[in-house]
Amino acid sequence: MDDVPTDLRARRRLDTAEQIHQVALELFEKQGVRETTVQQIADRAGISSRTFFRYFASKEQAALPGQQRLLQVIDTLELSPGDSPATVLQKAEKAAESAMSGENDPGLAEHRRIARLLGEPELQALAAAQERTLTMHLHARLSAQLESSDPTTVRLIAELVVALWRTSWERWGELALEGHMTDPVEVYRHCRRELRRVVE
């Protein structure tokens, strides 16, 4: 196994994670989150429960693997020391929008499936925890680049950007469940306009 190229190993790992993710979604849709066990997911995916825990910390996490796309754009967010708070907010919002614009089919079909499942309390709790991680990650990125900025301002920007991200996906999910095939970016832009209207 040591002679397997690193990129092939990484691809196999991603394939296994995706397989576990898809099985978890299927079982949750069929029998509910509470009634589904890690062992059932592992059996259906053709792996051991021990292997399952190499990929995910819980069955809930298998269905909601995290906001990887937004985490990646946060890591590439570039600010200037002289940026005003309004400029920082706009740059962070643009970064979030770019992350949302990458969500094409079949990704959108999967988001619709997840939107249906988010009524389950166990998944709501995990989604809230992931959102907290996003906020802390963005706050750390902003703080590192804006050392002289007011800490309260930096925290508020991070909270606003993640709240806008969450609200946009929630609204998109509501529309999707109603049968509206809406572009997530358009929903995001609408939510951003509404935020401006409320705070100005």
N, C-alpha and C. Protein backbone atom coordinates (compact mmCIF):
# COMPACT_ATOMS: atom_id res chain seq x y z
N MET A 1 0.83 -1.21 0.00
CA MET A 1 0.00 0.00 0.00
C MET A 1 0.86 1.26 0.00
N ASP A 2 2.09 1.16 0.51
CA ASP A 2 2.96 2.33 0.60
C ASP A 2 3.35 2.87 -0.77
N ASP A 3 3.28 2.01 -1.82
CA ASP A 3 3.68 2.48 -3.13
C ASP A 3 2.52 3.13 -3.90
N VAL A 4 1.34 3.25 -3.26
CA VAL A 4 0.21 3.93 -3.89
C VAL A 4 0.50 5.42 -3.87
N PRO A 5 0.40 6.09 -5.03
CA PRO A 5 0.68 7.53 -5.06
C PRO A 5 -0.23 8.29 -4.09
N THR A 6 0.33 9.37 -3.53
CA THR A 6 -0.40 10.16 -2.55
C THR A 6 -1.72 10.68 -3.11
N ASP A 7 -1.71 11.15 -4.38
CA ASP A 7 -2.94 11.70 -4.96
C ASP A 7 -4.00 10.61 -5.14
N LEU A 8 -3.57 9.37 -5.42
CA LEU A 8 -4.53 8.27 -5.54
C LEU A 8 -5.12 7.94 -4.17
N ARG A 9 -4.28 7.95 -3.14
CA ARG A 9 -4.76 7.72 -1.78
C ARG A 9 -5.77 8.78 -1.37
N ALA A 10 -5.44 10.02 -1.69
CA ALA A 10 -6.34 11.13 -1.35
C ALA A 10 -7.67 10.98 -2.08
N ARG A 11 -7.62 10.57 -3.35
CA ARG A 11 -8.84 10.39 -4.12
C ARG A 11 -9.70 9.27 -3.54
N ARG A 12 -9.04 8.17 -3.15
CA ARG A 12 -9.77 7.06 -2.55
C ARG A 12 -10.41 7.49 -1.24
N ARG A 13 -9.68 8.29 -0.48
CA ARG A 13 -10.23 8.78 0.79
C ARG A 13 -11.45 9.65 0.56
N LEU A 14 -11.37 10.54 -0.44
CA LEU A 14 -12.52 11.38 -0.78
C LEU A 14 -13.69 10.54 -1.26
N ASP A 15 -13.40 9.50 -2.07
CA ASP A 15 -14.46 8.62 -2.56
C ASP A 15 -15.16 7.90 -1.42
N THR A 16 -14.38 7.43 -0.45
CA THR A 16 -14.96 6.72 0.70
C THR A 16 -15.80 7.69 1.54
N ALA A 17 -15.29 8.88 1.76
CA ALA A 17 -16.04 9.87 2.53
C ALA A 17 -17.35 10.21 1.83
N GLU A 18 -17.30 10.37 0.52
CA GLU A 18 -18.51 10.68 -0.24
C GLU A 18 -19.50 9.53 -0.19
N GLN A 19 -19.00 8.29 -0.25
CA GLN A 19 -19.88 7.12 -0.18
C GLN A 19 -20.59 7.07 1.18
N ILE A 20 -19.84 7.29 2.26
CA ILE A 20 -20.43 7.30 3.60
C ILE A 20 -21.48 8.40 3.69
N HIS A 21 -21.14 9.57 3.17
CA HIS A 21 -22.05 10.73 3.19
C HIS A 21 -23.37 10.39 2.48
N GLN A 22 -23.27 9.81 1.29
CA GLN A 22 -24.47 9.49 0.53
C GLN A 22 -25.33 8.44 1.24
N VAL A 23 -24.69 7.43 1.81
CA VAL A 23 -25.42 6.39 2.55
C VAL A 23 -26.12 7.00 3.76
N ALA A 24 -25.43 7.88 4.48
CA ALA A 24 -26.04 8.52 5.65
C ALA A 24 -27.28 9.31 5.23
N LEU A 25 -27.18 10.08 4.15
CA LEU A 25 -28.33 10.83 3.67
C LEU A 25 -29.50 9.91 3.33
N GLU A 26 -29.20 8.83 2.62
CA GLU A 26 -30.26 7.88 2.22
C GLU A 26 -30.96 7.29 3.44
N LEU A 27 -30.17 6.85 4.42
CA LEU A 27 -30.77 6.24 5.61
C LEU A 27 -31.54 7.26 6.44
N PHE A 28 -31.01 8.46 6.56
CA PHE A 28 -31.71 9.49 7.31
C PHE A 28 -33.04 9.83 6.64
N GLU A 29 -33.04 9.90 5.31
CA GLU A 29 -34.28 10.19 4.59
C GLU A 29 -35.29 9.06 4.76
N LYS A 30 -34.79 7.85 4.79
CA LYS A 30 -35.68 6.68 4.85
C LYS A 30 -36.23 6.42 6.24
N GLN A 31 -35.36 6.53 7.27
CA GLN A 31 -35.81 6.11 8.61
C GLN A 31 -35.58 7.14 9.70
N GLY A 32 -35.03 8.30 9.37
CA GLY A 32 -34.82 9.35 10.36
C GLY A 32 -33.44 9.28 10.99
N VAL A 33 -33.00 10.40 11.52
CA VAL A 33 -31.66 10.49 12.11
C VAL A 33 -31.56 9.65 13.38
N ARG A 34 -32.54 9.83 14.27
CA ARG A 34 -32.47 9.14 15.56
C ARG A 34 -32.49 7.63 15.40
N GLU A 35 -33.23 7.13 14.42
CA GLU A 35 -33.37 5.69 14.24
C GLU A 35 -32.21 5.06 13.49
N THR A 36 -31.37 5.86 12.89
CA THR A 36 -30.23 5.35 12.12
C THR A 36 -29.01 5.24 13.02
N THR A 37 -28.29 4.14 12.89
CA THR A 37 -27.07 3.94 13.69
C THR A 37 -25.83 4.04 12.82
N VAL A 38 -24.71 4.29 13.46
CA VAL A 38 -23.43 4.29 12.75
C VAL A 38 -23.20 2.93 12.11
N GLN A 39 -23.54 1.86 12.82
CA GLN A 39 -23.32 0.51 12.29
C GLN A 39 -24.12 0.30 11.01
N GLN A 40 -25.35 0.80 10.96
CA GLN A 40 -26.16 0.68 9.75
C GLN A 40 -25.51 1.42 8.58
N ILE A 41 -25.01 2.61 8.85
CA ILE A 41 -24.34 3.39 7.79
C ILE A 41 -23.10 2.65 7.31
N ALA A 42 -22.31 2.16 8.26
CA ALA A 42 -21.08 1.45 7.90
C ALA A 42 -21.39 0.19 7.09
N ASP A 43 -22.39 -0.58 7.53
CA ASP A 43 -22.75 -1.81 6.81
C ASP A 43 -23.17 -1.50 5.39
N ARG A 44 -24.02 -0.49 5.23
CA ARG A 44 -24.51 -0.13 3.88
C ARG A 44 -23.36 0.38 3.01
N ALA A 45 -22.39 1.06 3.62
CA ALA A 45 -21.25 1.60 2.86
C ALA A 45 -20.17 0.54 2.61
N GLY A 46 -20.31 -0.63 3.26
CA GLY A 46 -19.34 -1.70 3.06
C GLY A 46 -18.03 -1.48 3.80
N ILE A 47 -18.13 -0.83 4.96
CA ILE A 47 -16.94 -0.57 5.77
C ILE A 47 -17.23 -0.98 7.21
N SER A 48 -16.20 -0.97 8.05
CA SER A 48 -16.42 -1.24 9.47
C SER A 48 -16.78 0.07 10.18
N SER A 49 -17.36 -0.06 11.37
CA SER A 49 -17.67 1.16 12.13
C SER A 49 -16.38 1.87 12.52
N ARG A 50 -15.32 1.12 12.71
CA ARG A 50 -14.03 1.74 13.04
C ARG A 50 -13.56 2.62 11.88
N THR A 51 -13.72 2.11 10.66
CA THR A 51 -13.36 2.91 9.48
C THR A 51 -14.24 4.15 9.39
N PHE A 52 -15.53 3.99 9.69
CA PHE A 52 -16.44 5.14 9.68
C PHE A 52 -15.87 6.28 10.51
N PHE A 53 -15.40 5.97 11.72
CA PHE A 53 -14.93 7.02 12.63
C PHE A 53 -13.58 7.61 12.22
N ARG A 54 -12.93 7.03 11.23
CA ARG A 54 -11.74 7.68 10.66
C ARG A 54 -12.13 8.86 9.79
N TYR A 55 -13.36 8.84 9.32
CA TYR A 55 -13.84 9.88 8.41
C TYR A 55 -14.74 10.90 9.08
N PHE A 56 -15.60 10.45 9.99
CA PHE A 56 -16.57 11.33 10.62
C PHE A 56 -16.65 11.04 12.11
N ALA A 57 -16.86 12.10 12.88
CA ALA A 57 -16.92 11.95 14.34
C ALA A 57 -18.28 11.43 14.80
N SER A 58 -19.29 11.57 13.97
CA SER A 58 -20.64 11.14 14.35
C SER A 58 -21.46 10.86 13.11
N LYS A 59 -22.59 10.20 13.29
CA LYS A 59 -23.48 9.95 12.15
C LYS A 59 -24.03 11.25 11.60
N GLU A 60 -24.30 12.23 12.48
CA GLU A 60 -24.82 13.51 12.02
C GLU A 60 -23.80 14.22 11.13
N GLN A 61 -22.54 14.15 11.52
CA GLN A 61 -21.50 14.80 10.73
C GLN A 61 -21.37 14.17 9.35
N ALA A 62 -21.70 12.89 9.23
CA ALA A 62 -21.64 12.22 7.92
C ALA A 62 -22.64 12.85 6.95
N ALA A 63 -23.76 13.33 7.47
CA ALA A 63 -24.75 13.98 6.61
C ALA A 63 -24.40 15.44 6.34
N LEU A 64 -23.77 16.09 7.31
CA LEU A 64 -23.38 17.50 7.17
C LEU A 64 -21.87 17.61 7.34
N PRO A 65 -21.11 17.28 6.30
CA PRO A 65 -19.66 17.25 6.46
C PRO A 65 -18.99 18.59 6.70
N GLY A 66 -19.76 19.66 6.69
CA GLY A 66 -19.17 20.95 7.01
C GLY A 66 -19.19 21.91 5.84
N GLN A 67 -18.89 23.13 6.12
CA GLN A 67 -18.95 24.20 5.12
C GLN A 67 -17.56 24.39 4.52
N GLN A 68 -17.06 23.35 3.88
CA GLN A 68 -15.68 23.37 3.39
C GLN A 68 -15.43 24.48 2.38
N ARG A 69 -16.39 24.72 1.52
CA ARG A 69 -16.18 25.74 0.48
C ARG A 69 -15.98 27.12 1.10
N LEU A 70 -16.80 27.47 2.09
CA LEU A 70 -16.64 28.78 2.74
C LEU A 70 -15.35 28.84 3.54
N LEU A 71 -14.99 27.76 4.21
CA LEU A 71 -13.72 27.73 4.94
C LEU A 71 -12.55 28.00 3.99
N GLN A 72 -12.61 27.43 2.80
CA GLN A 72 -11.52 27.62 1.83
C GLN A 72 -11.42 29.06 1.36
N VAL A 73 -12.56 29.71 1.09
CA VAL A 73 -12.47 31.10 0.64
C VAL A 73 -12.07 32.03 1.78
N ILE A 74 -12.45 31.69 3.00
CA ILE A 74 -12.00 32.49 4.15
C ILE A 74 -10.48 32.46 4.22
N ASP A 75 -9.89 31.30 3.96
CA ASP A 75 -8.43 31.16 4.03
C ASP A 75 -7.71 31.97 2.97
N THR A 76 -8.40 32.34 1.89
CA THR A 76 -7.76 33.12 0.83
C THR A 76 -8.16 34.59 0.87
N LEU A 77 -8.97 34.97 1.84
CA LEU A 77 -9.44 36.36 1.95
C LEU A 77 -8.26 37.28 2.24
N GLU A 78 -8.08 38.28 1.39
CA GLU A 78 -6.98 39.23 1.54
C GLU A 78 -7.52 40.62 1.84
N LEU A 79 -7.04 41.20 2.91
CA LEU A 79 -7.45 42.53 3.32
C LEU A 79 -6.24 43.45 3.39
N SER A 80 -6.51 44.74 3.39
CA SER A 80 -5.44 45.73 3.54
C SER A 80 -5.57 46.39 4.90
N PRO A 81 -4.45 46.72 5.55
CA PRO A 81 -4.51 47.33 6.88
C PRO A 81 -5.37 48.59 6.94
N GLY A 82 -5.43 49.33 5.83
CA GLY A 82 -6.19 50.58 5.83
C GLY A 82 -7.66 50.42 5.46
N ASP A 83 -8.12 49.21 5.23
CA ASP A 83 -9.52 49.00 4.86
C ASP A 83 -10.46 49.47 5.96
N SER A 84 -11.49 50.19 5.57
CA SER A 84 -12.51 50.61 6.54
C SER A 84 -13.36 49.39 6.92
N PRO A 85 -14.08 49.45 8.05
CA PRO A 85 -14.96 48.33 8.41
C PRO A 85 -15.95 47.99 7.30
N ALA A 86 -16.48 49.01 6.62
CA ALA A 86 -17.44 48.76 5.54
C ALA A 86 -16.78 48.00 4.39
N THR A 87 -15.53 48.36 4.08
CA THR A 87 -14.79 47.68 3.01
C THR A 87 -14.49 46.24 3.40
N VAL A 88 -14.09 46.03 4.65
CA VAL A 88 -13.82 44.67 5.13
C VAL A 88 -15.08 43.81 5.02
N LEU A 89 -16.20 44.37 5.45
CA LEU A 89 -17.47 43.65 5.37
C LEU A 89 -17.79 43.30 3.92
N GLN A 90 -17.62 44.25 3.02
CA GLN A 90 -17.92 44.01 1.60
C GLN A 90 -17.01 42.93 1.02
N LYS A 91 -15.72 42.96 1.36
CA LYS A 91 -14.80 41.95 0.85
C LYS A 91 -15.16 40.55 1.39
N ALA A 92 -15.52 40.50 2.66
CA ALA A 92 -15.88 39.21 3.26
C ALA A 92 -17.19 38.69 2.65
N GLU A 93 -18.13 39.59 2.41
CA GLU A 93 -19.38 39.19 1.77
C GLU A 93 -19.14 38.69 0.35
N LYS A 94 -18.28 39.35 -0.38
CA LYS A 94 -17.95 38.92 -1.75
C LYS A 94 -17.32 37.53 -1.74
N ALA A 95 -16.46 37.29 -0.74
CA ALA A 95 -15.84 35.97 -0.62
C ALA A 95 -16.91 34.90 -0.38
N ALA A 96 -17.86 35.20 0.50
CA ALA A 96 -18.94 34.26 0.78
C ALA A 96 -19.79 34.03 -0.47
N GLU A 97 -20.04 35.09 -1.21
CA GLU A 97 -20.82 34.96 -2.45
C GLU A 97 -20.09 34.06 -3.45
N SER A 98 -18.76 34.21 -3.55
CA SER A 98 -18.01 33.37 -4.49
C SER A 98 -18.08 31.90 -4.08
N ALA A 99 -18.12 31.65 -2.77
CA ALA A 99 -18.24 30.27 -2.30
C ALA A 99 -19.61 29.71 -2.66
N MET A 100 -20.62 30.53 -2.56
CA MET A 100 -21.98 30.09 -2.87
C MET A 100 -22.15 29.86 -4.37
N SER A 101 -21.46 30.66 -5.19
CA SER A 101 -21.63 30.55 -6.64
C SER A 101 -21.05 29.26 -7.19
N GLY A 102 -20.21 28.58 -6.41
CA GLY A 102 -19.65 27.32 -6.87
C GLY A 102 -20.60 26.15 -6.69
N GLU A 103 -21.75 26.39 -6.10
CA GLU A 103 -22.69 25.30 -5.81
C GLU A 103 -23.58 25.03 -7.02
N ASN A 104 -23.07 24.21 -7.95
CA ASN A 104 -23.85 23.84 -9.13
C ASN A 104 -24.44 22.45 -8.96
N ASP A 105 -25.37 22.09 -9.84
CA ASP A 105 -25.86 20.72 -9.84
C ASP A 105 -24.68 19.79 -10.13
N PRO A 106 -24.59 18.60 -9.51
CA PRO A 106 -25.60 18.02 -8.64
C PRO A 106 -25.55 18.52 -7.20
N GLY A 107 -24.66 19.46 -6.89
CA GLY A 107 -24.57 19.97 -5.54
C GLY A 107 -25.88 20.57 -5.03
N LEU A 108 -26.59 21.27 -5.91
CA LEU A 108 -27.84 21.88 -5.48
C LEU A 108 -28.89 20.83 -5.14
N ALA A 109 -28.90 19.73 -5.90
CA ALA A 109 -29.85 18.66 -5.59
C ALA A 109 -29.56 18.10 -4.19
N GLU A 110 -28.29 17.99 -3.87
CA GLU A 110 -27.93 17.49 -2.54
C GLU A 110 -28.32 18.49 -1.45
N HIS A 111 -28.14 19.78 -1.72
CA HIS A 111 -28.55 20.79 -0.75
C HIS A 111 -30.06 20.72 -0.48
N ARG A 112 -30.83 20.41 -1.53
CA ARG A 112 -32.28 20.25 -1.34
C ARG A 112 -32.56 19.09 -0.39
N ARG A 113 -31.83 17.99 -0.56
CA ARG A 113 -32.01 16.83 0.32
C ARG A 113 -31.67 17.20 1.75
N ILE A 114 -30.57 17.91 1.93
CA ILE A 114 -30.14 18.30 3.28
C ILE A 114 -31.14 19.28 3.88
N ALA A 115 -31.68 20.20 3.06
CA ALA A 115 -32.67 21.16 3.56
C ALA A 115 -33.87 20.43 4.16
N ARG A 116 -34.29 19.34 3.53
CA ARG A 116 -35.42 18.57 4.05
C ARG A 116 -35.08 17.95 5.40
N LEU A 117 -33.82 17.54 5.58
CA LEU A 117 -33.41 16.87 6.81
C LEU A 117 -33.13 17.83 7.96
N LEU A 118 -32.96 19.10 7.67
CA LEU A 118 -32.56 20.04 8.71
C LEU A 118 -33.66 20.33 9.73
N GLY A 119 -34.81 19.73 9.54
CA GLY A 119 -35.84 19.81 10.57
C GLY A 119 -35.53 18.91 11.75
N GLU A 120 -34.60 17.97 11.56
CA GLU A 120 -34.22 17.03 12.62
C GLU A 120 -33.36 17.77 13.66
N PRO A 121 -33.75 17.72 14.94
CA PRO A 121 -33.00 18.45 15.98
C PRO A 121 -31.51 18.11 16.03
N GLU A 122 -31.18 16.84 15.79
CA GLU A 122 -29.77 16.44 15.86
C GLU A 122 -28.94 17.14 14.79
N LEU A 123 -29.52 17.30 13.59
CA LEU A 123 -28.79 17.98 12.52
C LEU A 123 -28.78 19.49 12.73
N GLN A 124 -29.83 20.02 13.31
CA GLN A 124 -29.85 21.46 13.62
C GLN A 124 -28.73 21.81 14.59
N ALA A 125 -28.52 20.95 15.58
CA ALA A 125 -27.47 21.21 16.58
C ALA A 125 -26.09 21.19 15.92
N LEU A 126 -25.88 20.23 15.01
CA LEU A 126 -24.58 20.15 14.34
C LEU A 126 -24.39 21.34 13.41
N ALA A 127 -25.43 21.73 12.69
CA ALA A 127 -25.34 22.88 11.79
C ALA A 127 -24.97 24.14 12.58
N ALA A 128 -25.55 24.29 13.77
CA ALA A 128 -25.23 25.45 14.62
C ALA A 128 -23.77 25.41 15.06
N ALA A 129 -23.28 24.23 15.39
CA ALA A 129 -21.88 24.09 15.80
C ALA A 129 -20.94 24.41 14.63
N GLN A 130 -21.30 23.95 13.44
CA GLN A 130 -20.48 24.24 12.26
C GLN A 130 -20.46 25.74 11.96
N GLU A 131 -21.60 26.36 12.16
CA GLU A 131 -21.68 27.80 11.94
C GLU A 131 -20.78 28.54 12.93
N ARG A 132 -20.73 28.08 14.15
CA ARG A 132 -19.86 28.68 15.16
C ARG A 132 -18.38 28.55 14.73
N THR A 133 -18.04 27.39 14.19
CA THR A 133 -16.68 27.16 13.70
C THR A 133 -16.35 28.13 12.57
N LEU A 134 -17.28 28.32 11.65
CA LEU A 134 -17.08 29.27 10.55
C LEU A 134 -16.84 30.67 11.08
N THR A 135 -17.63 31.09 12.05
CA THR A 135 -17.51 32.44 12.62
C THR A 135 -16.15 32.62 13.28
N MET A 136 -15.73 31.63 14.06
CA MET A 136 -14.43 31.71 14.75
C MET A 136 -13.29 31.73 13.73
N HIS A 137 -13.43 30.95 12.66
CA HIS A 137 -12.40 30.88 11.62
C HIS A 137 -12.28 32.23 10.90
N LEU A 138 -13.43 32.81 10.56
CA LEU A 138 -13.41 34.12 9.88
C LEU A 138 -12.89 35.19 10.83
N HIS A 139 -13.29 35.15 12.08
CA HIS A 139 -12.82 36.12 13.06
C HIS A 139 -11.30 36.06 13.19
N ALA A 140 -10.76 34.85 13.23
CA ALA A 140 -9.30 34.70 13.34
C ALA A 140 -8.60 35.25 12.10
N ARG A 141 -9.17 35.00 10.93
CA ARG A 141 -8.58 35.49 9.68
C ARG A 141 -8.60 37.03 9.64
N LEU A 142 -9.71 37.61 10.01
CA LEU A 142 -9.82 39.07 10.02
C LEU A 142 -8.88 39.68 11.04
N SER A 143 -8.84 39.09 12.23
CA SER A 143 -7.98 39.62 13.30
C SER A 143 -6.51 39.59 12.91
N ALA A 144 -6.10 38.52 12.23
CA ALA A 144 -4.69 38.38 11.83
C ALA A 144 -4.28 39.46 10.83
N GLN A 145 -5.22 39.90 10.00
CA GLN A 145 -4.89 40.88 8.97
C GLN A 145 -5.21 42.32 9.37
N LEU A 146 -5.99 42.48 10.41
CA LEU A 146 -6.41 43.82 10.84
C LEU A 146 -6.06 44.03 12.31
N GLU A 147 -4.79 43.92 12.62
CA GLU A 147 -4.33 43.95 14.01
C GLU A 147 -4.70 45.23 14.73
N SER A 148 -4.78 46.35 14.01
CA SER A 148 -5.05 47.62 14.68
C SER A 148 -6.55 47.94 14.75
N SER A 149 -7.39 47.08 14.20
CA SER A 149 -8.83 47.34 14.21
C SER A 149 -9.45 47.04 15.57
N ASP A 150 -10.56 47.67 15.83
CA ASP A 150 -11.29 47.45 17.07
C ASP A 150 -11.79 46.00 17.11
N PRO A 151 -11.47 45.25 18.17
CA PRO A 151 -11.87 43.84 18.25
C PRO A 151 -13.38 43.62 18.15
N THR A 152 -14.15 44.54 18.69
CA THR A 152 -15.62 44.41 18.61
C THR A 152 -16.09 44.53 17.17
N THR A 153 -15.51 45.46 16.43
CA THR A 153 -15.87 45.63 15.02
C THR A 153 -15.55 44.38 14.22
N VAL A 154 -14.37 43.83 14.46
CA VAL A 154 -13.95 42.61 13.74
C VAL A 154 -14.90 41.46 14.06
N ARG A 155 -15.26 41.32 15.32
CA ARG A 155 -16.18 40.24 15.71
C ARG A 155 -17.56 40.43 15.06
N LEU A 156 -18.04 41.66 15.05
CA LEU A 156 -19.35 41.94 14.44
C LEU A 156 -19.35 41.62 12.94
N ILE A 157 -18.26 41.95 12.26
CA ILE A 157 -18.17 41.64 10.82
C ILE A 157 -18.23 40.13 10.61
N ALA A 158 -17.47 39.38 11.39
CA ALA A 158 -17.47 37.92 11.25
C ALA A 158 -18.86 37.36 11.50
N GLU A 159 -19.51 37.84 12.55
CA GLU A 159 -20.86 37.35 12.88
C GLU A 159 -21.85 37.69 11.77
N LEU A 160 -21.78 38.90 11.23
CA LEU A 160 -22.70 39.32 10.17
C LEU A 160 -22.53 38.49 8.91
N VAL A 161 -21.28 38.25 8.51
CA VAL A 161 -21.02 37.51 7.27
C VAL A 161 -21.56 36.09 7.38
N VAL A 162 -21.31 35.43 8.51
CA VAL A 162 -21.78 34.06 8.67
C VAL A 162 -23.30 34.01 8.83
N ALA A 163 -23.88 34.99 9.50
CA ALA A 163 -25.34 35.04 9.62
C ALA A 163 -25.98 35.23 8.25
N LEU A 164 -25.37 36.05 7.40
CA LEU A 164 -25.88 36.26 6.05
C LEU A 164 -25.79 34.97 5.23
N TRP A 165 -24.67 34.27 5.36
CA TRP A 165 -24.46 32.98 4.69
C TRP A 165 -25.55 31.99 5.12
N ARG A 166 -25.75 31.87 6.43
CA ARG A 166 -26.73 30.92 6.95
C ARG A 166 -28.14 31.28 6.50
N THR A 167 -28.49 32.56 6.64
CA THR A 167 -29.83 33.01 6.27
C THR A 167 -30.10 32.76 4.79
N SER A 168 -29.11 33.00 3.96
CA SER A 168 -29.27 32.79 2.51
C SER A 168 -29.53 31.32 2.19
N TRP A 169 -28.75 30.42 2.80
CA TRP A 169 -28.96 28.99 2.54
C TRP A 169 -30.29 28.52 3.11
N GLU A 170 -30.68 29.05 4.28
CA GLU A 170 -31.98 28.67 4.85
C GLU A 170 -33.12 29.12 3.95
N ARG A 171 -33.02 30.36 3.45
CA ARG A 171 -34.07 30.86 2.57
C ARG A 171 -34.08 30.08 1.26
N TRP A 172 -32.90 29.78 0.73
CA TRP A 172 -32.82 28.98 -0.49
C TRP A 172 -33.47 27.61 -0.26
N GLY A 173 -33.20 27.02 0.91
CA GLY A 173 -33.78 25.72 1.24
C GLY A 173 -35.29 25.78 1.30
N GLU A 174 -35.83 26.85 1.90
CA GLU A 174 -37.28 27.01 1.96
C GLU A 174 -37.88 27.09 0.56
N LEU A 175 -37.24 27.89 -0.29
CA LEU A 175 -37.72 28.02 -1.67
C LEU A 175 -37.63 26.70 -2.42
N ALA A 176 -36.52 25.98 -2.20
CA ALA A 176 -36.34 24.69 -2.87
C ALA A 176 -37.42 23.70 -2.46
N LEU A 177 -37.75 23.68 -1.18
CA LEU A 177 -38.79 22.76 -0.69
C LEU A 177 -40.17 23.14 -1.22
N GLU A 178 -40.33 24.41 -1.57
CA GLU A 178 -41.60 24.85 -2.17
C GLU A 178 -41.63 24.59 -3.68
N GLY A 179 -40.51 24.07 -4.21
CA GLY A 179 -40.46 23.74 -5.64
C GLY A 179 -39.87 24.82 -6.51
N HIS A 180 -39.32 25.89 -5.93
CA HIS A 180 -38.73 26.97 -6.71
C HIS A 180 -37.26 26.65 -6.98
N MET A 181 -36.88 26.63 -8.25
CA MET A 181 -35.50 26.35 -8.64
C MET A 181 -34.74 27.68 -8.72
N THR A 182 -34.28 28.14 -7.59
CA THR A 182 -33.66 29.46 -7.49
C THR A 182 -32.14 29.34 -7.43
N ASP A 183 -31.45 30.29 -8.02
CA ASP A 183 -29.99 30.35 -7.96
C ASP A 183 -29.60 30.81 -6.54
N PRO A 184 -28.78 30.04 -5.83
CA PRO A 184 -28.38 30.45 -4.47
C PRO A 184 -27.74 31.83 -4.41
N VAL A 185 -27.01 32.20 -5.45
CA VAL A 185 -26.36 33.52 -5.46
C VAL A 185 -27.40 34.63 -5.47
N GLU A 186 -28.47 34.44 -6.23
CA GLU A 186 -29.53 35.45 -6.27
C GLU A 186 -30.19 35.59 -4.90
N VAL A 187 -30.40 34.47 -4.23
CA VAL A 187 -30.98 34.51 -2.88
C VAL A 187 -30.02 35.24 -1.94
N TYR A 188 -28.73 34.93 -2.06
CA TYR A 188 -27.71 35.58 -1.23
C TYR A 188 -27.73 37.10 -1.44
N ARG A 189 -27.77 37.51 -2.71
CA ARG A 189 -27.77 38.94 -3.02
C ARG A 189 -29.02 39.63 -2.48
N HIS A 190 -30.15 38.95 -2.58
CA HIS A 190 -31.39 39.50 -2.03
C HIS A 190 -31.27 39.68 -0.51
N CYS A 191 -30.75 38.65 0.16
CA CYS A 191 -30.58 38.73 1.62
C CYS A 191 -29.62 39.85 2.00
N ARG A 192 -28.57 40.03 1.20
CA ARG A 192 -27.61 41.09 1.48
C ARG A 192 -28.25 42.46 1.32
N ARG A 193 -29.08 42.63 0.28
CA ARG A 193 -29.79 43.90 0.10
C ARG A 193 -30.72 44.17 1.26
N GLU A 194 -31.41 43.12 1.72
CA GLU A 194 -32.32 43.28 2.85
C GLU A 194 -31.57 43.66 4.12
N LEU A 195 -30.40 43.05 4.30
CA LEU A 195 -29.58 43.39 5.48
C LEU A 195 -29.20 44.87 5.43
N ARG A 196 -28.78 45.35 4.26
CA ARG A 196 -28.42 46.77 4.11
C ARG A 196 -29.63 47.66 4.43
N ARG A 197 -30.80 47.25 3.93
CA ARG A 197 -32.00 48.05 4.13
C ARG A 197 -32.36 48.13 5.62
N VAL A 198 -32.15 47.03 6.32
CA VAL A 198 -32.50 46.98 7.75
C VAL A 198 -31.55 47.82 8.59
N VAL A 199 -30.25 47.76 8.29
CA VAL A 199 -29.28 48.43 9.18
C VAL A 199 -29.01 49.88 8.80
N GLU A 200 -29.40 50.29 7.61
CA GLU A 200 -29.09 51.67 7.20
C GLU A 200 -30.22 52.62 7.59
